[in-house]
Amino acid sequence: MFDVTPLPRALNHTNPNADAVKDPDLFLQCWRLINCDDCLGSRHPCSWCAISQTCVPNAHSFPILAPIRNENICPLGWRERWEMRAKPFSCRCSTMTFMSVVVGVLSTLLGVLLIWVVWKLGKWSLRRWRKRQPGWWKVDGKKWVNKFMICKPRKKDPEQSTSTHVARDEERRPLLV
């Protein structure tokens, strides 16, 4: 009736886990399906490898993420593993598409959360700034004053003021006289 001989080594690399290798019937049930819709619509745990156009057994708990753990899930190995289609998604959603959408959504949520935290922190800081008491900059009960930052008018140097006037007079004199 059905020959239950072990599968050749060349075919075993397409199986995602030990259960599929042990069950040649599952391998053949998936392998015989020739298009994506039939593969994903079968009652067996099968996935579709788009580049090699093959249906392979995939008994992982979340089949669309099987290529993360098994680079040889598809016949062409690492070259097509990210283009695998699996249940519960349709033939138009590969592993790469699914992961891109998940990363994009999570990044957007993280960005919105970060903007919200910065907004709340800014609001809190503004409230604290407006409620501050006069003299909040006191340290150890003394008012903090930086002596170097206080603007005091400079004392006029008599020599400097005369040299400035001389320089101004020279600039006003016509050049061609």
C-alpha atoms as a PDB file:
ATOM      1  CA  MET A   1       0.000   0.000   0.000  1.00  0.00           C
ATOM      2  CA  PHE A   2       2.182   2.916   1.201  1.00  0.00           C
ATOM      3  CA  ASP A   3       5.921   2.569   1.600  1.00  0.00           C
ATOM      4  CA  VAL A   4       6.984   3.948   5.011  1.00  0.00           C
ATOM      5  CA  THR A   5      10.690   4.190   4.229  1.00  0.00           C
ATOM      6  CA  PRO A   6      12.607   7.103   5.700  1.00  0.00           C
ATOM      7  CA  LEU A   7      12.759  10.193   3.528  1.00  0.00           C
ATOM      8  CA  PRO A   8      16.013  10.918   1.721  1.00  0.00           C
ATOM      9  CA  ARG A   9      18.303  13.418   3.458  1.00  0.00           C
ATOM     10  CA  ALA A  10      17.835  15.939   0.645  1.00  0.00           C
ATOM     11  CA  LEU A  11      14.116  16.151   1.419  1.00  0.00           C
ATOM     12  CA  ASN A  12      14.402  16.193   5.227  1.00  0.00           C
ATOM     13  CA  HIS A  13      15.850  19.705   5.315  1.00  0.00           C
ATOM     14  CA  THR A  14      12.483  21.097   4.186  1.00  0.00           C
ATOM     15  CA  ASN A  15      10.724  19.879   7.313  1.00  0.00           C
ATOM     16  CA  PRO A  16      10.471  22.398  10.128  1.00  0.00           C
ATOM     17  CA  ASN A  17      10.516  19.992  13.031  1.00  0.00           C
ATOM     18  CA  ALA A  18      11.018  16.388  14.043  1.00  0.00           C
ATOM     19  CA  ASP A  19       7.299  15.523  13.854  1.00  0.00           C
ATOM     20  CA  ALA A  20       7.196  16.267  10.145  1.00  0.00           C
ATOM     21  CA  VAL A  21      10.336  14.187   9.553  1.00  0.00           C
ATOM     22  CA  LYS A  22       8.863  11.258  11.465  1.00  0.00           C
ATOM     23  CA  ASP A  23       5.599  11.442   9.524  1.00  0.00           C
ATOM     24  CA  PRO A  24       6.266  10.870   5.813  1.00  0.00           C
ATOM     25  CA  ASP A  25       2.526  10.993   5.193  1.00  0.00           C
ATOM     26  CA  LEU A  26       2.410  14.639   6.315  1.00  0.00           C
ATOM     27  CA  PHE A  27       5.349  15.463   4.086  1.00  0.00           C
ATOM     28  CA  LEU A  28       3.692  13.850   1.070  1.00  0.00           C
ATOM     29  CA  GLN A  29       0.292  15.412   1.863  1.00  0.00           C
ATOM     30  CA  CYS A  30       1.868  18.866   1.733  1.00  0.00           C
ATOM     31  CA  TRP A  31       4.343  18.189  -1.072  1.00  0.00           C
ATOM     32  CA  ARG A  32       1.617  17.055  -3.498  1.00  0.00           C
ATOM     33  CA  LEU A  33      -0.216  20.422  -3.319  1.00  0.00           C
ATOM     34  CA  ILE A  34       0.782  22.573  -6.289  1.00  0.00           C
ATOM     35  CA  ASN A  35      -0.519  26.064  -5.528  1.00  0.00           C
ATOM     36  CA  CYS A  36      -0.560  28.411  -2.568  1.00  0.00           C
ATOM     37  CA  ASP A  37      -4.314  28.508  -2.008  1.00  0.00           C
ATOM     38  CA  ASP A  38      -4.562  24.707  -1.889  1.00  0.00           C
ATOM     39  CA  CYS A  39      -1.514  24.492   0.372  1.00  0.00           C
ATOM     40  CA  LEU A  40      -2.776  26.978   2.938  1.00  0.00           C
ATOM     41  CA  GLY A  41      -6.335  25.692   2.661  1.00  0.00           C
ATOM     42  CA  SER A  42      -5.458  22.071   3.388  1.00  0.00           C
ATOM     43  CA  ARG A  43      -6.346  20.433   6.673  1.00  0.00           C
ATOM     44  CA  HIS A  44      -2.675  19.572   7.226  1.00  0.00           C
ATOM     45  CA  PRO A  45      -0.165  21.976   8.807  1.00  0.00           C
ATOM     46  CA  CYS A  46       1.434  23.140   5.555  1.00  0.00           C
ATOM     47  CA  SER A  47       3.112  26.354   4.434  1.00  0.00           C
ATOM     48  CA  TRP A  48       3.926  27.713   0.984  1.00  0.00           C
ATOM     49  CA  CYS A  49       7.446  28.598  -0.150  1.00  0.00           C
ATOM     50  CA  ALA A  50       6.894  31.230  -2.822  1.00  0.00           C
ATOM     51  CA  ILE A  51      10.194  31.196  -4.715  1.00  0.00           C
ATOM     52  CA  SER A  52      10.448  27.428  -5.170  1.00  0.00           C
ATOM     53  CA  GLN A  53       6.624  27.139  -5.495  1.00  0.00           C
ATOM     54  CA  THR A  54       6.431  24.239  -3.050  1.00  0.00           C
ATOM     55  CA  CYS A  55       4.172  23.306  -0.176  1.00  0.00           C
ATOM     56  CA  VAL A  56       6.102  22.139   2.884  1.00  0.00           C
ATOM     57  CA  PRO A  57       5.030  20.754   6.268  1.00  0.00           C
ATOM     58  CA  ASN A  58       5.096  23.319   9.058  1.00  0.00           C
ATOM     59  CA  ALA A  59       3.865  22.117  12.441  1.00  0.00           C
ATOM     60  CA  HIS A  60       5.095  25.111  14.456  1.00  0.00           C
ATOM     61  CA  SER A  61       2.712  26.722  16.953  1.00  0.00           C
ATOM     62  CA  PHE A  62       2.755  30.034  15.023  1.00  0.00           C
ATOM     63  CA  PRO A  63       3.675  28.956  11.481  1.00  0.00           C
ATOM     64  CA  ILE A  64       4.353  32.408   9.986  1.00  0.00           C
ATOM     65  CA  LEU A  65       7.297  32.794  12.395  1.00  0.00           C
ATOM     66  CA  ALA A  66       8.787  29.341  11.728  1.00  0.00           C
ATOM     67  CA  PRO A  67      11.628  30.765   9.556  1.00  0.00           C
ATOM     68  CA  ILE A  68      13.055  32.519  12.616  1.00  0.00           C
ATOM     69  CA  ARG A  69      13.997  29.189  14.170  1.00  0.00           C
ATOM     70  CA  ASN A  70      14.512  27.080  11.056  1.00  0.00           C
ATOM     71  CA  GLU A  71      16.434  28.549   8.143  1.00  0.00           C
ATOM     72  CA  ASN A  72      15.928  25.397   6.067  1.00  0.00           C
ATOM     73  CA  ILE A  73      12.153  25.334   6.213  1.00  0.00           C
ATOM     74  CA  CYS A  74      11.922  25.890   2.448  1.00  0.00           C
ATOM     75  CA  PRO A  75      13.743  23.839  -0.224  1.00  0.00           C
ATOM     76  CA  LEU A  76      16.022  26.742  -1.214  1.00  0.00           C
ATOM     77  CA  GLY A  77      16.983  27.306   2.431  1.00  0.00           C
ATOM     78  CA  TRP A  78      17.954  30.752   3.694  1.00  0.00           C
ATOM     79  CA  ARG A  79      17.401  32.354   0.271  1.00  0.00           C
ATOM     80  CA  GLU A  80      13.637  31.986   0.440  1.00  0.00           C
ATOM     81  CA  ARG A  81      12.803  31.388   4.063  1.00  0.00           C
ATOM     82  CA  TRP A  82      11.535  34.956   4.638  1.00  0.00           C
ATOM     83  CA  GLU A  83       9.149  34.656   1.659  1.00  0.00           C
ATOM     84  CA  MET A  84       7.230  31.753   3.182  1.00  0.00           C
ATOM     85  CA  ARG A  85       3.435  32.031   3.380  1.00  0.00           C
ATOM     86  CA  ALA A  86       1.641  30.307   6.241  1.00  0.00           C
ATOM     87  CA  LYS A  87      -1.664  29.879   8.014  1.00  0.00           C
ATOM     88  CA  PRO A  88      -3.681  31.841   9.282  1.00  0.00           C
ATOM     89  CA  PHE A  89      -2.649  34.454   6.704  1.00  0.00           C
ATOM     90  CA  SER A  90      -3.263  34.321   2.982  1.00  0.00           C
ATOM     91  CA  CYS A  91      -0.861  33.798   0.102  1.00  0.00           C
ATOM     92  CA  ARG A  92      -0.262  37.549  -0.031  1.00  0.00           C
ATOM     93  CA  CYS A  93       1.412  37.778   3.385  1.00  0.00           C
ATOM     94  CA  SER A  94       4.956  36.482   3.695  1.00  0.00           C
ATOM     95  CA  THR A  95       6.969  36.182   6.893  1.00  0.00           C
ATOM     96  CA  MET A  96       8.890  39.334   5.939  1.00  0.00           C
ATOM     97  CA  THR A  97       5.669  41.273   5.329  1.00  0.00           C
ATOM     98  CA  PHE A  98       4.237  40.151   8.662  1.00  0.00           C
ATOM     99  CA  MET A  99       7.411  41.022  10.575  1.00  0.00           C
ATOM    100  CA  SER A 100       7.666  44.422   8.847  1.00  0.00           C
ATOM    101  CA  VAL A 101       4.108  45.293   9.837  1.00  0.00           C
ATOM    102  CA  VAL A 102       4.645  44.153  13.434  1.00  0.00           C
ATOM    103  CA  VAL A 103       7.889  46.146  13.760  1.00  0.00           C
ATOM    104  CA  GLY A 104       6.274  49.200  12.137  1.00  0.00           C
ATOM    105  CA  VAL A 105       3.265  49.131  14.453  1.00  0.00           C
ATOM    106  CA  LEU A 106       5.379  48.585  17.571  1.00  0.00           C
ATOM    107  CA  SER A 107       7.788  51.369  16.558  1.00  0.00           C
ATOM    108  CA  THR A 108       4.881  53.745  16.003  1.00  0.00           C
ATOM    109  CA  LEU A 109       3.384  52.905  19.391  1.00  0.00           C
ATOM    110  CA  LEU A 110       6.772  53.364  21.062  1.00  0.00           C
ATOM    111  CA  GLY A 111       7.237  56.721  19.313  1.00  0.00           C
ATOM    112  CA  VAL A 112       3.779  57.920  20.382  1.00  0.00           C
ATOM    113  CA  LEU A 113       4.504  56.779  23.943  1.00  0.00           C
ATOM    114  CA  LEU A 114       7.813  58.639  23.931  1.00  0.00           C
ATOM    115  CA  ILE A 115       6.168  61.828  22.632  1.00  0.00           C
ATOM    116  CA  TRP A 116       3.464  61.521  25.304  1.00  0.00           C
ATOM    117  CA  VAL A 117       6.074  61.079  28.073  1.00  0.00           C
ATOM    118  CA  VAL A 118       8.057  64.111  26.858  1.00  0.00           C
ATOM    119  CA  TRP A 119       4.840  66.169  26.685  1.00  0.00           C
ATOM    120  CA  LYS A 120       3.828  65.138  30.238  1.00  0.00           C
ATOM    121  CA  LEU A 121       7.340  65.872  31.518  1.00  0.00           C
ATOM    122  CA  GLY A 122       7.287  69.293  29.849  1.00  0.00           C
ATOM    123  CA  LYS A 123       3.877  70.050  31.331  1.00  0.00           C
ATOM    124  CA  TRP A 124       5.052  68.989  34.791  1.00  0.00           C
ATOM    125  CA  SER A 125       8.222  71.082  34.462  1.00  0.00           C
ATOM    126  CA  LEU A 126       6.249  74.157  33.367  1.00  0.00           C
ATOM    127  CA  ARG A 127       3.862  73.762  36.301  1.00  0.00           C
ATOM    128  CA  ARG A 128       6.778  73.474  38.726  1.00  0.00           C
ATOM    129  CA  TRP A 129       8.449  76.518  37.148  1.00  0.00           C
ATOM    130  CA  ARG A 130       5.334  78.653  37.537  1.00  0.00           C
ATOM    131  CA  LYS A 131       4.780  77.577  41.162  1.00  0.00           C
ATOM    132  CA  ARG A 132       8.343  78.210  42.267  1.00  0.00           C
ATOM    133  CA  GLN A 133       8.919  80.385  45.296  1.00  0.00           C
ATOM    134  CA  PRO A 134      11.020  83.517  45.096  1.00  0.00           C
ATOM    135  CA  GLY A 135      14.514  82.667  46.148  1.00  0.00           C
ATOM    136  CA  TRP A 136      14.270  79.011  45.075  1.00  0.00           C
ATOM    137  CA  TRP A 137      17.873  79.257  43.999  1.00  0.00           C
ATOM    138  CA  LYS A 138      19.118  79.593  47.600  1.00  0.00           C
ATOM    139  CA  VAL A 139      21.777  77.126  48.682  1.00  0.00           C
ATOM    140  CA  ASP A 140      22.285  76.454  52.400  1.00  0.00           C
ATOM    141  CA  GLY A 141      19.946  79.310  53.256  1.00  0.00           C
ATOM    142  CA  LYS A 142      22.036  81.870  51.351  1.00  0.00           C
ATOM    143  CA  LYS A 143      21.131  83.473  48.081  1.00  0.00           C
ATOM    144  CA  TRP A 144      23.273  82.149  45.267  1.00  0.00           C
ATOM    145  CA  VAL A 145      24.948  84.915  43.350  1.00  0.00           C
ATOM    146  CA  ASN A 146      27.656  84.451  40.814  1.00  0.00           C
ATOM    147  CA  LYS A 147      29.952  87.428  41.245  1.00  0.00           C
ATOM    148  CA  PHE A 148      31.387  87.098  37.769  1.00  0.00           C
ATOM    149  CA  MET A 149      28.012  87.108  36.034  1.00  0.00           C
ATOM    150  CA  ILE A 150      26.717  90.332  37.560  1.00  0.00           C
ATOM    151  CA  CYS A 151      26.860  93.163  35.052  1.00  0.00           C
ATOM    152  CA  LYS A 152      28.527  96.218  36.522  1.00  0.00           C
ATOM    153  CA  PRO A 153      29.431  99.280  34.501  1.00  0.00           C
ATOM    154  CA  ARG A 154      33.161  99.488  33.799  1.00  0.00           C
ATOM    155  CA  LYS A 155      35.218 102.261  35.237  1.00  0.00           C
ATOM    156  CA  LYS A 156      36.405 104.591  32.517  1.00  0.00           C
ATOM    157  CA  ASP A 157      40.132 104.677  31.960  1.00  0.00           C
ATOM    158  CA  PRO A 158      41.262 108.244  31.135  1.00  0.00           C
ATOM    159  CA  GLU A 159      43.949 107.072  28.693  1.00  0.00           C
ATOM    160  CA  GLN A 160      41.524 104.792  26.869  1.00  0.00           C
ATOM    161  CA  SER A 161      38.914 107.515  26.415  1.00  0.00           C
ATOM    162  CA  THR A 162      41.442 109.959  24.840  1.00  0.00           C
ATOM    163  CA  SER A 163      42.825 107.349  22.470  1.00  0.00           C
ATOM    164  CA  THR A 164      39.302 106.508  21.396  1.00  0.00           C
ATOM    165  CA  HIS A 165      38.561 110.146  20.605  1.00  0.00           C
ATOM    166  CA  VAL A 166      41.809 110.439  18.613  1.00  0.00           C
ATOM    167  CA  ALA A 167      40.947 107.372  16.576  1.00  0.00           C
ATOM    168  CA  ARG A 168      37.491 108.747  15.828  1.00  0.00           C
ATOM    169  CA  ASP A 169      38.929 112.092  14.725  1.00  0.00           C
ATOM    170  CA  GLU A 170      41.335 110.391  12.329  1.00  0.00           C
ATOM    171  CA  GLU A 171      38.500 108.499  10.704  1.00  0.00           C
ATOM    172  CA  ARG A 172      36.548 111.680  10.078  1.00  0.00           C
ATOM    173  CA  ARG A 173      39.405 113.512   8.313  1.00  0.00           C
ATOM    174  CA  PRO A 174      39.167 113.395   4.509  1.00  0.00           C
ATOM    175  CA  LEU A 175      41.785 111.223   2.786  1.00  0.00           C
ATOM    176  CA  LEU A 176      42.497 113.465  -0.210  1.00  0.00           C
ATOM    177  CA  VAL A 177      43.280 116.938   0.986  1.00  0.00           C
END
